[in-house]
N, C-alpha and C. Protein backbone atom coordinates (compact mmCIF):
# COMPACT_ATOMS: atom_id res chain seq x y z
N MET A 1 0.85 -1.16 0.00
CA MET A 1 0.00 0.00 0.00
C MET A 1 0.90 1.23 0.00
N PRO A 2 0.82 2.07 -1.03
CA PRO A 2 1.65 3.27 -1.06
C PRO A 2 1.37 4.16 0.14
N ILE A 3 2.38 4.92 0.51
CA ILE A 3 2.29 5.75 1.71
C ILE A 3 1.22 6.82 1.58
N ASP A 4 1.05 7.43 0.38
CA ASP A 4 0.05 8.49 0.25
C ASP A 4 -1.36 7.94 0.44
N ILE A 5 -1.61 6.71 -0.02
CA ILE A 5 -2.92 6.09 0.22
C ILE A 5 -3.10 5.81 1.70
N LEU A 6 -2.02 5.39 2.36
CA LEU A 6 -2.08 5.11 3.79
C LEU A 6 -2.46 6.37 4.56
N PHE A 7 -1.89 7.52 4.20
CA PHE A 7 -2.22 8.76 4.87
C PHE A 7 -3.66 9.19 4.60
N ILE A 8 -4.12 8.99 3.37
CA ILE A 8 -5.52 9.33 3.05
C ILE A 8 -6.46 8.47 3.87
N VAL A 9 -6.16 7.18 3.99
CA VAL A 9 -7.01 6.29 4.79
C VAL A 9 -6.95 6.70 6.25
N MET A 10 -5.76 7.11 6.73
CA MET A 10 -5.62 7.49 8.13
C MET A 10 -6.48 8.71 8.46
N PHE A 11 -6.53 9.69 7.57
CA PHE A 11 -7.23 10.93 7.88
C PHE A 11 -8.70 10.92 7.47
N ASP A 12 -9.10 9.96 6.66
CA ASP A 12 -10.50 9.88 6.26
C ASP A 12 -11.28 8.81 7.02
N SER A 13 -10.63 8.05 7.86
CA SER A 13 -11.28 6.94 8.56
C SER A 13 -11.98 7.43 9.81
N ASP A 14 -12.62 6.48 10.43
CA ASP A 14 -13.26 6.71 11.72
C ASP A 14 -12.18 7.10 12.74
N VAL A 15 -12.52 7.84 13.77
CA VAL A 15 -11.56 8.34 14.76
C VAL A 15 -10.84 7.20 15.46
N LYS A 16 -11.56 6.15 15.84
CA LYS A 16 -10.95 5.03 16.56
C LYS A 16 -9.99 4.26 15.66
N ILE A 17 -10.39 4.03 14.41
CA ILE A 17 -9.51 3.32 13.47
C ILE A 17 -8.29 4.18 13.16
N ARG A 18 -8.51 5.48 13.01
CA ARG A 18 -7.41 6.40 12.72
C ARG A 18 -6.40 6.39 13.86
N LYS A 19 -6.87 6.39 15.11
CA LYS A 19 -5.97 6.37 16.27
C LYS A 19 -5.16 5.06 16.29
N ASN A 20 -5.82 3.93 16.02
CA ASN A 20 -5.12 2.64 15.99
C ASN A 20 -4.08 2.60 14.88
N MET A 21 -4.40 3.16 13.72
CA MET A 21 -3.45 3.16 12.61
C MET A 21 -2.25 4.04 12.92
N LYS A 22 -2.49 5.19 13.56
CA LYS A 22 -1.38 6.07 13.92
C LYS A 22 -0.45 5.39 14.92
N ILE A 23 -1.04 4.75 15.92
CA ILE A 23 -0.23 4.04 16.92
C ILE A 23 0.56 2.93 16.26
N SER A 24 -0.08 2.18 15.36
CA SER A 24 0.60 1.09 14.66
C SER A 24 1.75 1.62 13.81
N LEU A 25 1.51 2.72 13.12
CA LEU A 25 2.54 3.32 12.28
C LEU A 25 3.72 3.80 13.12
N VAL A 26 3.45 4.45 14.23
CA VAL A 26 4.53 4.94 15.11
C VAL A 26 5.32 3.77 15.68
N LEU A 27 4.63 2.72 16.11
CA LEU A 27 5.33 1.54 16.64
C LEU A 27 6.17 0.86 15.57
N PHE A 28 5.64 0.78 14.35
CA PHE A 28 6.38 0.16 13.26
C PHE A 28 7.64 0.95 12.94
N VAL A 29 7.53 2.27 12.84
CA VAL A 29 8.69 3.11 12.55
C VAL A 29 9.71 3.02 13.67
N ALA A 30 9.26 3.02 14.93
CA ALA A 30 10.19 2.91 16.06
C ALA A 30 10.90 1.56 16.03
N ALA A 31 10.18 0.48 15.74
CA ALA A 31 10.79 -0.84 15.68
C ALA A 31 11.83 -0.91 14.55
N MET A 32 11.53 -0.32 13.41
CA MET A 32 12.48 -0.32 12.29
C MET A 32 13.74 0.47 12.64
N MET A 33 13.57 1.61 13.30
CA MET A 33 14.73 2.42 13.67
C MET A 33 15.60 1.69 14.69
N LEU A 34 14.98 1.07 15.69
CA LEU A 34 15.76 0.36 16.70
C LEU A 34 16.45 -0.87 16.13
N SER A 35 15.77 -1.60 15.27
CA SER A 35 16.39 -2.80 14.71
C SER A 35 17.54 -2.44 13.78
N SER A 36 17.46 -1.32 13.09
CA SER A 36 18.56 -0.95 12.20
C SER A 36 19.81 -0.58 13.00
N CYS A 37 19.64 -0.07 14.21
CA CYS A 37 20.80 0.27 15.04
C CYS A 37 21.44 -0.98 15.64
N TYR A 38 20.64 -1.93 16.07
CA TYR A 38 21.18 -3.09 16.77
C TYR A 38 21.63 -4.20 15.84
N LEU A 39 21.18 -4.23 14.60
CA LEU A 39 21.53 -5.33 13.71
C LEU A 39 22.79 -5.07 12.90
N GLN A 40 23.36 -3.87 13.02
CA GLN A 40 24.59 -3.61 12.29
C GLN A 40 25.73 -4.38 12.93
N LYS A 41 26.60 -4.89 12.09
CA LYS A 41 27.69 -5.73 12.57
C LYS A 41 28.98 -5.29 11.89
N GLU A 42 30.03 -5.21 12.65
CA GLU A 42 31.31 -4.89 12.07
C GLU A 42 32.04 -6.20 11.78
N VAL A 43 32.62 -6.29 10.61
CA VAL A 43 33.37 -7.47 10.22
C VAL A 43 34.85 -7.13 10.36
N GLN A 44 35.55 -7.91 11.14
CA GLN A 44 36.97 -7.68 11.34
C GLN A 44 37.75 -8.57 10.39
N VAL A 45 38.68 -7.95 9.67
CA VAL A 45 39.49 -8.69 8.71
C VAL A 45 40.96 -8.41 8.97
N GLU A 46 41.77 -9.27 8.43
CA GLU A 46 43.21 -9.05 8.49
C GLU A 46 43.80 -9.27 7.11
N ARG A 47 44.90 -8.60 6.85
CA ARG A 47 45.58 -8.74 5.57
C ARG A 47 46.56 -9.90 5.66
N VAL A 48 46.46 -10.82 4.71
CA VAL A 48 47.32 -12.01 4.71
C VAL A 48 47.95 -12.14 3.33
N LYS A 49 49.24 -12.41 3.32
CA LYS A 49 49.93 -12.63 2.05
C LYS A 49 49.66 -14.07 1.61
N VAL A 50 49.11 -14.25 0.42
CA VAL A 50 48.75 -15.58 -0.08
C VAL A 50 49.52 -15.87 -1.37
N GLU A 51 49.70 -17.15 -1.64
CA GLU A 51 50.43 -17.59 -2.83
C GLU A 51 49.51 -18.45 -3.69
N LEU A 52 49.53 -18.23 -4.99
CA LEU A 52 48.74 -19.01 -5.92
C LEU A 52 49.41 -20.37 -6.12
N VAL A 53 48.67 -21.45 -5.81
CA VAL A 53 49.26 -22.79 -5.91
C VAL A 53 48.67 -23.63 -7.03
N LYS A 54 47.44 -23.30 -7.49
CA LYS A 54 46.85 -24.13 -8.54
C LYS A 54 45.81 -23.32 -9.32
N VAL A 55 45.74 -23.55 -10.63
CA VAL A 55 44.74 -22.92 -11.48
C VAL A 55 43.99 -24.04 -12.22
N ASP A 56 42.68 -24.10 -12.05
CA ASP A 56 41.84 -25.10 -12.72
C ASP A 56 40.82 -24.39 -13.59
N THR A 57 40.27 -25.11 -14.56
CA THR A 57 39.19 -24.60 -15.39
C THR A 57 37.95 -25.44 -15.15
N ILE A 58 36.82 -24.77 -14.91
CA ILE A 58 35.57 -25.48 -14.68
C ILE A 58 34.51 -24.94 -15.62
N PHE A 59 33.46 -25.72 -15.86
CA PHE A 59 32.35 -25.27 -16.67
C PHE A 59 31.19 -24.90 -15.77
N ARG A 60 30.72 -23.67 -15.89
CA ARG A 60 29.54 -23.18 -15.17
C ARG A 60 28.46 -22.88 -16.19
N THR A 61 27.25 -22.63 -15.72
CA THR A 61 26.17 -22.32 -16.66
C THR A 61 26.45 -21.05 -17.43
N SER A 62 27.23 -20.14 -16.86
CA SER A 62 27.57 -18.90 -17.55
C SER A 62 28.77 -19.07 -18.49
N GLY A 63 29.39 -20.22 -18.49
CA GLY A 63 30.53 -20.47 -19.37
C GLY A 63 31.71 -21.02 -18.60
N LEU A 64 32.87 -21.03 -19.24
CA LEU A 64 34.09 -21.53 -18.61
C LEU A 64 34.63 -20.49 -17.63
N MET A 65 35.13 -20.97 -16.51
CA MET A 65 35.73 -20.09 -15.49
C MET A 65 37.00 -20.72 -14.95
N LYS A 66 37.86 -19.87 -14.42
CA LYS A 66 39.09 -20.35 -13.77
C LYS A 66 38.87 -20.38 -12.26
N VAL A 67 39.32 -21.45 -11.62
CA VAL A 67 39.31 -21.55 -10.17
C VAL A 67 40.76 -21.41 -9.72
N LEU A 68 41.02 -20.37 -8.94
CA LEU A 68 42.37 -20.13 -8.41
C LEU A 68 42.42 -20.61 -6.97
N THR A 69 43.39 -21.42 -6.66
CA THR A 69 43.58 -21.93 -5.29
C THR A 69 44.74 -21.18 -4.67
N TRP A 70 44.46 -20.51 -3.56
CA TRP A 70 45.46 -19.72 -2.84
C TRP A 70 45.79 -20.40 -1.53
N LYS A 71 47.02 -20.28 -1.09
CA LYS A 71 47.43 -20.88 0.18
C LYS A 71 48.17 -19.84 1.01
N THR A 72 47.85 -19.80 2.32
CA THR A 72 48.48 -18.86 3.24
C THR A 72 49.71 -19.51 3.87
N PRO A 73 50.56 -18.72 4.51
CA PRO A 73 51.71 -19.32 5.21
C PRO A 73 51.29 -20.28 6.33
N SER A 74 50.09 -20.10 6.89
CA SER A 74 49.63 -21.02 7.94
C SER A 74 48.92 -22.24 7.34
N ASN A 75 49.08 -22.46 6.03
CA ASN A 75 48.61 -23.64 5.31
C ASN A 75 47.08 -23.71 5.18
N LEU A 76 46.39 -22.58 5.11
CA LEU A 76 44.97 -22.53 4.82
C LEU A 76 44.78 -22.31 3.33
N SER A 77 43.78 -22.95 2.74
CA SER A 77 43.51 -22.80 1.32
C SER A 77 42.26 -21.97 1.10
N TYR A 78 42.30 -21.11 0.09
CA TYR A 78 41.16 -20.29 -0.31
C TYR A 78 41.00 -20.41 -1.82
N PHE A 79 39.75 -20.29 -2.27
CA PHE A 79 39.45 -20.41 -3.68
C PHE A 79 38.80 -19.14 -4.17
N SER A 80 39.08 -18.79 -5.42
CA SER A 80 38.41 -17.65 -6.04
C SER A 80 38.09 -18.03 -7.48
N LEU A 81 37.00 -17.45 -8.01
CA LEU A 81 36.59 -17.69 -9.39
C LEU A 81 36.87 -16.46 -10.22
N GLU A 82 37.33 -16.70 -11.43
CA GLU A 82 37.58 -15.62 -12.38
C GLU A 82 37.09 -16.05 -13.75
N PRO A 83 36.71 -15.09 -14.58
CA PRO A 83 36.36 -15.47 -15.95
C PRO A 83 37.59 -15.96 -16.70
N LEU A 84 37.36 -16.77 -17.71
CA LEU A 84 38.47 -17.35 -18.47
C LEU A 84 39.27 -16.27 -19.19
N GLU A 85 38.60 -15.14 -19.50
CA GLU A 85 39.27 -14.05 -20.23
C GLU A 85 40.14 -13.19 -19.34
N ALA A 86 40.12 -13.41 -18.03
CA ALA A 86 40.93 -12.59 -17.11
C ALA A 86 42.41 -12.80 -17.40
N PRO A 87 43.24 -11.82 -17.08
CA PRO A 87 44.68 -11.97 -17.32
C PRO A 87 45.24 -13.20 -16.60
N GLN A 88 46.17 -13.86 -17.27
CA GLN A 88 46.76 -15.08 -16.74
C GLN A 88 47.67 -14.77 -15.57
N MET A 89 47.50 -15.51 -14.48
CA MET A 89 48.40 -15.38 -13.33
C MET A 89 49.22 -16.65 -13.25
N ASP A 90 50.50 -16.52 -12.98
CA ASP A 90 51.38 -17.68 -12.89
C ASP A 90 51.31 -18.30 -11.51
N VAL A 91 51.43 -19.61 -11.48
CA VAL A 91 51.48 -20.32 -10.20
C VAL A 91 52.74 -19.87 -9.46
N GLY A 92 52.59 -19.56 -8.19
CA GLY A 92 53.70 -19.07 -7.39
C GLY A 92 53.64 -17.57 -7.17
N SER A 93 52.78 -16.87 -7.88
CA SER A 93 52.67 -15.42 -7.67
C SER A 93 51.97 -15.17 -6.33
N THR A 94 52.30 -14.07 -5.71
CA THR A 94 51.73 -13.74 -4.39
C THR A 94 50.94 -12.44 -4.46
N THR A 95 50.00 -12.33 -3.54
CA THR A 95 49.20 -11.12 -3.42
C THR A 95 48.71 -11.02 -1.99
N VAL A 96 48.09 -9.92 -1.64
CA VAL A 96 47.55 -9.72 -0.31
C VAL A 96 46.04 -9.89 -0.40
N MET A 97 45.48 -10.67 0.54
CA MET A 97 44.04 -10.93 0.57
C MET A 97 43.49 -10.56 1.93
N LEU A 98 42.26 -10.03 1.94
CA LEU A 98 41.60 -9.74 3.20
C LEU A 98 40.84 -10.98 3.64
N ILE A 99 41.13 -11.45 4.84
CA ILE A 99 40.52 -12.67 5.37
C ILE A 99 39.86 -12.34 6.70
N ARG A 100 38.63 -12.83 6.87
CA ARG A 100 37.89 -12.56 8.09
C ARG A 100 38.55 -13.23 9.28
N LYS A 101 38.62 -12.50 10.40
CA LYS A 101 39.23 -13.06 11.62
C LYS A 101 38.31 -14.05 12.26
């Protein structure tokens, strides 16, 4: 229901219905404002130097893609997808990646 129609209904309705709608609207807006403040979350990340250890090609519904396998010094593996047309990266090249703590 568009807001302008809601306001027309609020001001053209019976007094009791209008009062209930105003209270409902105020409670709804207050709940939305409070939930937006409490549901925000900060994501903490750290920068980690990773090394490319393997490049594979897979078929997806959108076409061929490259799967890059990255490994950290603490021996964790991460995967990323790239289009086949992306510039070629050599195995052994390093880069910095943001990883969630």
